[in-house]
Structures are given as structure tokens and as C-alpha cells.
Amino acid sequence: MAEIKIEKKKLIWPWIALVLIIGAIIYYVYFTDHEAHSESTIEVENTTSAQ
């Protein structure tokens, strides 16, 4: 009789979860970095009067 080789199905869910986690980390770092810069921006009003 012929021998039939059976290969196990490769799981794709761990890879999808890994991509989602990495994407979430990049999203978090990108937006928290921009929020920190926008909070540190201070508007300075020109108080000198040239008359």
C-alpha cells in the first residue's frame, strides 16, 4: 500500500493577532507622541504696544 503523508494545517490566527497587536502599539505611540507635542504648545500673546 502507498503511504499517505498528512500535514497539519498551519494556524493563521496567531499571525493575525500579532499584526493587530503591533498595529495597536504603533497607533498608541504615534498618537500619544502628537498629543504630548500639542499640549506643550503655548500661545504667546504680543503685549507690547507700538503707538
C-alpha atoms as a PDB file:
ATOM      1  CA  MET A   1       0.000   0.000   0.000  1.00  0.00           C
ATOM      2  CA  ALA A   2       1.033   3.577  -0.583  1.00  0.00           C
ATOM      3  CA  GLU A   3       1.874   5.784   2.343  1.00  0.00           C
ATOM      4  CA  ILE A   4      -0.221   8.950   2.597  1.00  0.00           C
ATOM      5  CA  LYS A   5       1.501  11.901   4.228  1.00  0.00           C
ATOM      6  CA  ILE A   6      -0.809  14.187   6.162  1.00  0.00           C
ATOM      7  CA  GLU A   7       0.372  17.687   7.002  1.00  0.00           C
ATOM      8  CA  LYS A   8      -1.172  19.625   9.843  1.00  0.00           C
ATOM      9  CA  LYS A   9      -2.963  22.808   8.911  1.00  0.00           C
ATOM     10  CA  LYS A  10      -0.911  25.886   9.769  1.00  0.00           C
ATOM     11  CA  LEU A  11      -2.641  28.310  12.112  1.00  0.00           C
ATOM     12  CA  ILE A  12      -3.091  31.839  10.838  1.00  0.00           C
ATOM     13  CA  TRP A  13      -4.812  33.294  13.948  1.00  0.00           C
ATOM     14  CA  PRO A  14      -1.566  33.862  15.908  1.00  0.00           C
ATOM     15  CA  TRP A  15      -0.181  35.878  12.992  1.00  0.00           C
ATOM     16  CA  ILE A  16      -3.343  37.972  12.710  1.00  0.00           C
ATOM     17  CA  ALA A  17      -3.265  38.639  16.463  1.00  0.00           C
ATOM     18  CA  LEU A  18       0.419  39.613  16.260  1.00  0.00           C
ATOM     19  CA  VAL A  19      -0.221  42.066  13.428  1.00  0.00           C
ATOM     20  CA  LEU A  20      -3.148  43.623  15.314  1.00  0.00           C
ATOM     21  CA  ILE A  21      -1.092  43.999  18.496  1.00  0.00           C
ATOM     22  CA  ILE A  22       1.822  45.596  16.645  1.00  0.00           C
ATOM     23  CA  GLY A  23      -0.596  47.906  14.831  1.00  0.00           C
ATOM     24  CA  ALA A  24      -2.187  48.928  18.138  1.00  0.00           C
ATOM     25  CA  ILE A  25       1.225  49.686  19.656  1.00  0.00           C
ATOM     26  CA  ILE A  26       2.241  51.810  16.667  1.00  0.00           C
ATOM     27  CA  TYR A  27      -1.120  53.627  16.768  1.00  0.00           C
ATOM     28  CA  TYR A  28      -0.757  54.294  20.509  1.00  0.00           C
ATOM     29  CA  VAL A  29       2.828  55.569  20.232  1.00  0.00           C
ATOM     30  CA  TYR A  30       2.021  57.770  17.240  1.00  0.00           C
ATOM     31  CA  PHE A  31      -0.996  59.475  18.803  1.00  0.00           C
ATOM     32  CA  THR A  32       0.390  59.863  22.332  1.00  0.00           C
ATOM     33  CA  ASP A  33       3.526  61.440  20.861  1.00  0.00           C
ATOM     34  CA  HIS A  34       1.454  64.002  18.957  1.00  0.00           C
ATOM     35  CA  GLU A  35      -0.749  64.763  21.962  1.00  0.00           C
ATOM     36  CA  ALA A  36       2.323  65.494  24.077  1.00  0.00           C
ATOM     37  CA  HIS A  37       3.586  67.979  21.476  1.00  0.00           C
ATOM     38  CA  SER A  38       0.233  69.704  21.126  1.00  0.00           C
ATOM     39  CA  GLU A  39      -0.126  70.119  24.897  1.00  0.00           C
ATOM     40  CA  SER A  40       3.310  71.685  25.184  1.00  0.00           C
ATOM     41  CA  THR A  41       2.482  74.280  22.538  1.00  0.00           C
ATOM     42  CA  ILE A  42       1.850  77.576  24.271  1.00  0.00           C
ATOM     43  CA  GLU A  43       0.342  80.544  22.530  1.00  0.00           C
ATOM     44  CA  VAL A  44       2.112  83.775  23.402  1.00  0.00           C
ATOM     45  CA  GLU A  45       0.145  86.979  23.137  1.00  0.00           C
ATOM     46  CA  ASN A  46       2.010  90.040  21.968  1.00  0.00           C
ATOM     47  CA  THR A  47       1.644  92.505  24.852  1.00  0.00           C
ATOM     48  CA  THR A  48       3.895  95.226  23.509  1.00  0.00           C
ATOM     49  CA  SER A  49       2.045  98.152  22.039  1.00  0.00           C
ATOM     50  CA  ALA A  50       3.671 100.238  19.371  1.00  0.00           C
ATOM     51  CA  GLN A  51       1.909 103.557  19.242  1.00  0.00           C
END
